[in-house]
Amino acid sequence: MTEPNSDPAAVAPLLGATDIRRLAEEIGVRPTKTLGQNFVIDGNTIRRIVSAANIDAGETVLEVGPGLGSLTLGLLDAAKSVVAVEIDPVLARKLPETVRAWRPHAEENFHLVLSDAMKVTELPVPPTALVANLPYNVAVPVVLHLLQHFPSLQHGLVMVQDEVADRLAATPGSKIYGVPSVKAAWYGHMRKAGVIGMNVFWPAPKIHSGLVAFTRHDPPQTHATREQVFAVIDAAFAQRRKTLRAALAGWAGSAAEAERCLVAAGVDPTARGEVLDISAYVKIAEARHPVDA
């Protein structure tokens, strides 16, 4: 039974542990580590995620890896429509049936795309929000890929490995600040929005999950391309304990040229990559690729 609540969406039935295991048994699915499958089996956790995502009733939400549909149902309650991208064909075949059975009124608002999220560049409806329980091993590349290819995404909330959540939301000077932190900052502001325990999943992972909320902003104003800026970031953290003069030598062609670019960008050549924000990396890229070159 669901507890009374003044919000109609909150009292709509959600999949519980028994439902999830029954659905999985019906289609012969056992969660696999290869695909990073950990299904949420707790309705209160779904409600918490949907609430924290701050979804407007007129929005289209993109969900990656819907699995058996536990989060999907919660999103359909909150949004105008949901576009779900699922890589597993067995799960994908079952999902529309589950939506039809549990949310018959929302069936026309649900769109399923059978694909690898890392290969998706078009969707049936432009999404405005991303809400997903992402497989741990591909979380960062998936987030960056989707932000790159879908400028309509204005905000979102993703559940990832807790350590990855900390990295995405890290700020300059932190020991965990790195490539994911800086590249994510190109697209928007990331913040840690909570921690999820292990017992709300089936199977239960061995580590906690973290929620990361983001709000998109315009990329930095620059004549350098995103690829040029990201190349500096990759080089700076490939050998993160080295000074930037040394770490960027290969990228620039020589340590002397790296130092020239750093000085031109107003960056101390003896500093390390973990102290720079995205704007500093933009200036370094601009120094290497001047507009009149």
Protein backbone atom coordinates (compact mmCIF):
# COMPACT_ATOMS: atom_id res chain seq x y z
CA MET A 1 0.00 0.00 0.00
CA THR A 2 1.16 3.52 -0.69
CA GLU A 3 1.04 6.08 2.08
CA PRO A 4 -1.40 9.03 1.83
CA ASN A 5 0.06 12.11 0.22
CA SER A 6 -1.38 15.37 -1.06
CA ASP A 7 0.53 15.02 -4.32
CA PRO A 8 -1.44 12.76 -6.74
CA ALA A 9 1.75 11.65 -8.47
CA ALA A 10 3.22 10.51 -5.18
CA VAL A 11 0.40 8.03 -4.51
CA ALA A 12 0.49 6.37 -7.92
CA PRO A 13 1.68 2.77 -7.56
CA LEU A 14 5.37 2.15 -8.19
CA LEU A 15 7.27 -1.06 -8.70
CA GLY A 16 8.46 -2.74 -5.53
CA ALA A 17 10.92 -5.57 -4.92
CA THR A 18 8.34 -8.29 -5.61
CA ASP A 19 7.21 -6.59 -8.83
CA ILE A 20 10.76 -6.14 -10.10
CA ARG A 21 11.71 -9.76 -9.47
CA ARG A 22 8.47 -10.99 -11.07
CA LEU A 23 9.02 -8.88 -14.20
CA ALA A 24 12.61 -10.07 -14.45
CA GLU A 25 11.52 -13.69 -14.10
CA GLU A 26 8.86 -13.28 -16.77
CA ILE A 27 11.47 -12.32 -19.36
CA GLY A 28 14.29 -14.49 -18.02
CA VAL A 29 16.52 -11.60 -16.99
CA ARG A 30 19.23 -11.78 -14.38
CA PRO A 31 20.98 -8.45 -13.72
CA THR A 32 24.48 -8.45 -15.22
CA LYS A 33 27.62 -6.67 -14.08
CA THR A 34 28.60 -6.27 -17.74
CA LEU A 35 25.74 -3.84 -18.33
CA GLY A 36 25.95 -2.43 -14.81
CA GLN A 37 22.38 -3.43 -14.05
CA ASN A 38 21.20 -2.63 -10.52
CA PHE A 39 17.43 -2.22 -10.45
CA VAL A 40 15.86 0.16 -7.92
CA ILE A 41 13.30 -1.77 -5.86
CA ASP A 42 12.20 0.93 -3.42
CA GLY A 43 9.32 3.27 -4.29
CA ASN A 44 10.37 5.91 -1.77
CA THR A 45 13.78 6.15 -3.43
CA ILE A 46 12.09 6.68 -6.80
CA ARG A 47 9.95 9.45 -5.31
CA ARG A 48 13.04 11.03 -3.78
CA ILE A 49 14.87 11.02 -7.12
CA VAL A 50 11.92 12.42 -9.05
CA SER A 51 11.36 15.13 -6.44
CA ALA A 52 15.05 16.12 -6.41
CA ALA A 53 15.04 16.37 -10.22
CA ASN A 54 12.63 19.33 -10.07
CA ILE A 55 10.78 18.30 -13.21
CA ASP A 56 8.20 20.69 -14.62
CA ALA A 57 4.91 19.14 -15.73
CA GLY A 58 5.50 20.33 -19.30
CA GLU A 59 8.93 18.77 -19.73
CA THR A 60 10.23 15.86 -21.74
CA VAL A 61 12.60 13.74 -19.68
CA LEU A 62 15.38 11.60 -21.12
CA GLU A 63 16.01 8.43 -19.16
CA VAL A 64 19.02 6.24 -19.94
CA GLY A 65 18.97 2.59 -18.92
CA PRO A 66 15.34 2.33 -17.76
CA GLY A 67 15.74 -1.37 -17.07
CA LEU A 68 12.45 -2.80 -15.83
CA GLY A 69 10.83 0.61 -15.50
CA SER A 70 10.85 1.50 -11.81
CA LEU A 71 12.12 5.06 -12.37
CA THR A 72 10.26 5.34 -15.68
CA LEU A 73 6.88 5.17 -13.95
CA GLY A 74 7.83 7.89 -11.50
CA LEU A 75 9.04 10.12 -14.33
CA LEU A 76 5.82 9.61 -16.31
CA ASP A 77 3.91 10.86 -13.26
CA ALA A 78 5.94 14.07 -13.13
CA ALA A 79 6.67 14.97 -16.77
CA LYS A 80 4.74 15.56 -19.97
CA SER A 81 6.64 12.75 -21.69
CA VAL A 82 9.57 10.37 -21.21
CA VAL A 83 12.10 9.22 -23.81
CA ALA A 84 13.87 6.08 -22.59
CA VAL A 85 17.08 4.78 -24.17
CA GLU A 86 17.70 1.09 -23.44
CA ILE A 87 20.56 -1.00 -24.81
CA ASP A 88 19.19 -4.42 -23.78
CA PRO A 89 16.62 -5.67 -26.35
CA VAL A 90 14.98 -8.05 -23.88
CA LEU A 91 14.35 -5.27 -21.37
CA ALA A 92 13.31 -2.91 -24.16
CA ARG A 93 10.61 -5.28 -25.38
CA LYS A 94 9.09 -5.58 -21.89
CA LEU A 95 9.10 -1.89 -20.97
CA PRO A 96 6.15 -0.66 -23.12
CA GLU A 97 4.06 -3.52 -21.73
CA THR A 98 4.92 -2.44 -18.17
CA VAL A 99 4.04 1.18 -18.93
CA ARG A 100 0.74 0.06 -20.47
CA ALA A 101 -0.12 -2.03 -17.40
CA TRP A 102 0.94 0.47 -14.71
CA ARG A 103 0.36 3.83 -16.43
CA PRO A 104 -2.24 3.23 -19.16
CA HIS A 105 -3.12 6.94 -19.31
CA ALA A 106 0.54 7.81 -20.05
CA GLU A 107 1.24 5.22 -22.74
CA GLU A 108 1.21 7.81 -25.55
CA ASN A 109 3.68 9.96 -23.59
CA PHE A 110 6.31 7.22 -23.50
CA HIS A 111 8.92 6.84 -26.24
CA LEU A 112 11.39 3.96 -26.32
CA VAL A 113 14.70 4.01 -28.19
CA LEU A 114 16.62 0.73 -28.46
CA SER A 115 20.22 1.87 -28.62
CA ASP A 116 23.52 2.40 -26.86
CA ALA A 117 23.25 5.84 -25.24
CA MET A 118 26.82 6.58 -26.35
CA LYS A 119 25.69 6.29 -29.99
CA VAL A 120 22.46 8.27 -29.77
CA THR A 121 22.51 11.63 -31.57
CA GLU A 122 18.80 11.97 -32.38
CA LEU A 123 15.65 11.37 -30.33
CA PRO A 124 11.94 11.34 -31.22
CA VAL A 125 11.27 14.31 -28.91
CA PRO A 126 13.86 16.93 -27.81
CA PRO A 127 14.47 16.32 -24.09
CA THR A 128 14.71 19.18 -21.63
CA ALA A 129 15.82 17.14 -18.60
CA LEU A 130 18.01 14.09 -18.01
CA VAL A 131 17.10 11.79 -15.13
CA ALA A 132 18.78 8.41 -15.00
CA ASN A 133 20.22 5.62 -12.92
CA LEU A 134 23.43 5.22 -14.90
CA PRO A 135 25.67 2.15 -15.06
CA TYR A 136 28.77 2.90 -13.03
CA ASN A 137 31.29 2.01 -15.73
CA VAL A 138 29.94 4.43 -18.38
CA ALA A 139 28.33 7.19 -16.33
CA VAL A 140 30.75 10.03 -17.11
CA PRO A 141 31.08 9.42 -20.87
CA VAL A 142 27.30 9.07 -21.18
CA VAL A 143 26.61 12.36 -19.37
CA LEU A 144 29.20 14.24 -21.45
CA HIS A 145 27.97 12.67 -24.69
CA LEU A 146 24.35 13.60 -24.01
CA LEU A 147 25.20 17.17 -22.99
CA GLN A 148 27.21 17.55 -26.19
CA HIS A 149 24.60 16.20 -28.58
CA PHE A 150 21.40 17.45 -26.94
CA PRO A 151 21.61 21.18 -26.24
CA SER A 152 17.90 21.07 -25.36
CA LEU A 153 18.88 19.41 -22.05
CA GLN A 154 18.69 22.25 -19.55
CA HIS A 155 18.97 20.39 -16.26
CA GLY A 156 19.03 16.93 -14.78
CA LEU A 157 19.74 14.50 -12.01
CA VAL A 158 21.80 11.35 -12.45
CA MET A 159 22.47 8.53 -10.03
CA VAL A 160 26.03 7.23 -10.31
CA GLN A 161 28.67 5.57 -8.16
CA ASP A 162 29.14 7.83 -5.14
CA GLU A 163 32.82 8.37 -5.90
CA VAL A 164 31.95 9.40 -9.48
CA ALA A 165 29.33 11.81 -8.14
CA ASP A 166 32.00 13.45 -6.01
CA ARG A 167 34.32 13.75 -9.01
CA LEU A 168 31.68 15.30 -11.25
CA ALA A 169 30.83 17.90 -8.63
CA ALA A 170 34.41 18.56 -7.48
CA THR A 171 35.84 22.08 -7.63
CA PRO A 172 39.40 23.27 -8.40
CA GLY A 173 41.93 22.47 -5.69
CA SER A 174 40.25 19.26 -4.59
CA LYS A 175 42.21 15.99 -4.73
CA ILE A 176 39.37 14.38 -6.67
CA TYR A 177 39.03 17.26 -9.15
CA GLY A 178 39.92 15.94 -12.58
CA VAL A 179 38.88 15.43 -16.20
CA PRO A 180 35.18 14.72 -15.43
CA SER A 181 34.95 17.80 -13.20
CA VAL A 182 36.42 20.21 -15.76
CA LYS A 183 34.64 18.83 -18.82
CA ALA A 184 31.30 18.82 -17.02
CA ALA A 185 31.89 22.47 -16.09
CA TRP A 186 32.06 23.32 -19.80
CA TYR A 187 28.36 22.45 -20.06
CA GLY A 188 26.92 23.44 -16.73
CA HIS A 189 27.04 23.63 -12.96
CA MET A 190 27.23 20.26 -11.19
CA ARG A 191 26.43 19.70 -7.54
CA LYS A 192 26.13 16.71 -5.24
CA ALA A 193 22.45 16.20 -4.42
CA GLY A 194 22.52 13.23 -2.06
CA VAL A 195 23.63 9.68 -1.35
CA ILE A 196 21.62 6.51 -1.98
CA GLY A 197 22.15 3.38 0.11
CA MET A 198 22.86 -0.08 -1.24
CA ASN A 199 19.76 -1.91 -0.01
CA VAL A 200 17.34 -0.14 -2.39
CA PHE A 201 18.82 -2.01 -5.37
CA TRP A 202 18.56 -5.53 -6.73
CA PRO A 203 21.15 -6.84 -6.75
CA ALA A 204 22.63 -4.67 -4.01
CA PRO A 205 25.91 -3.04 -5.13
CA LYS A 206 28.90 -3.07 -2.81
CA ILE A 207 29.15 0.72 -2.76
CA HIS A 208 26.83 3.66 -2.23
CA SER A 209 25.39 5.65 -5.11
CA GLY A 210 25.44 9.42 -5.37
CA LEU A 211 23.01 11.87 -6.92
CA VAL A 212 24.41 14.65 -9.10
CA ALA A 213 22.19 17.52 -10.16
CA PHE A 214 23.19 19.82 -12.98
CA THR A 215 21.99 23.03 -14.56
CA ARG A 216 23.19 23.87 -18.05
CA HIS A 217 24.81 27.19 -18.85
CA ASP A 218 26.29 28.53 -22.06
CA PRO A 219 29.81 27.25 -22.78
CA PRO A 220 32.62 29.74 -22.21
CA GLN A 221 32.91 32.51 -24.79
CA THR A 222 35.97 31.53 -26.84
CA HIS A 223 37.28 31.17 -30.37
CA ALA A 224 38.82 27.84 -29.36
CA THR A 225 36.73 24.78 -30.13
CA ARG A 226 35.42 22.40 -27.49
CA GLU A 227 37.76 19.73 -28.88
CA GLN A 228 40.77 22.04 -28.52
CA VAL A 229 39.88 22.90 -24.93
CA PHE A 230 39.21 19.27 -24.02
CA ALA A 231 42.59 18.26 -25.49
CA VAL A 232 44.29 20.58 -22.98
CA ILE A 233 42.28 19.09 -20.13
CA ASP A 234 43.16 15.53 -21.13
CA ALA A 235 46.86 16.37 -21.36
CA ALA A 236 46.93 18.23 -18.04
CA PHE A 237 45.51 15.28 -16.09
CA ALA A 238 47.24 12.46 -17.96
CA GLN A 239 50.16 13.05 -15.61
CA ARG A 240 48.44 15.02 -12.90
CA ARG A 241 51.38 15.11 -10.47
CA LYS A 242 53.56 16.92 -13.01
CA THR A 243 53.66 20.67 -13.40
CA LEU A 244 51.61 22.00 -16.28
CA ARG A 245 54.80 22.96 -18.13
CA ALA A 246 55.82 19.29 -18.15
CA ALA A 247 52.34 17.78 -18.48
CA LEU A 248 51.46 19.90 -21.50
CA ALA A 249 54.80 19.46 -23.31
CA GLY A 250 53.47 16.70 -25.55
CA TRP A 251 50.28 18.62 -26.30
CA ALA A 252 52.16 21.82 -27.16
CA GLY A 253 55.07 20.16 -28.99
CA SER A 254 57.67 21.09 -26.39
CA ALA A 255 57.98 22.19 -22.79
CA ALA A 256 59.06 25.66 -23.95
CA GLU A 257 55.94 26.05 -26.10
CA ALA A 258 53.79 24.78 -23.24
CA GLU A 259 55.31 27.43 -20.98
CA ARG A 260 54.68 30.12 -23.58
CA CYS A 261 51.00 29.15 -23.81
CA LEU A 262 50.65 29.05 -20.03
CA VAL A 263 52.25 32.46 -19.53
CA ALA A 264 50.10 33.93 -22.32
CA ALA A 265 47.03 32.51 -20.56
CA GLY A 266 48.09 34.01 -17.23
CA VAL A 267 48.73 30.59 -15.69
CA ASP A 268 51.75 29.70 -13.54
CA PRO A 269 53.75 27.06 -15.50
CA THR A 270 54.71 25.37 -12.22
CA ALA A 271 51.06 24.90 -11.19
CA ARG A 272 49.26 21.60 -11.58
CA GLY A 273 46.08 20.90 -13.53
CA GLU A 274 43.95 20.33 -10.45
CA VAL A 275 44.02 24.03 -9.48
CA LEU A 276 42.63 25.41 -12.75
CA ASP A 277 38.99 26.05 -13.57
CA ILE A 278 37.43 25.67 -17.01
CA SER A 279 38.11 29.31 -17.96
CA ALA A 280 41.85 28.82 -17.46
CA TYR A 281 41.85 25.79 -19.75
CA VAL A 282 40.00 27.86 -22.34
CA LYS A 283 42.70 30.55 -22.20
CA ILE A 284 45.47 27.97 -22.60
CA ALA A 285 43.74 26.54 -25.68
CA GLU A 286 43.34 30.05 -27.09
CA ALA A 287 47.04 30.73 -26.61
CA ARG A 288 47.91 27.61 -28.60
CA HIS A 289 45.31 28.31 -31.28
CA PRO A 290 45.19 32.10 -31.80
CA VAL A 291 42.29 33.44 -33.80
CA ASP A 292 44.56 34.89 -36.52
CA ALA A 293 46.61 31.69 -36.95
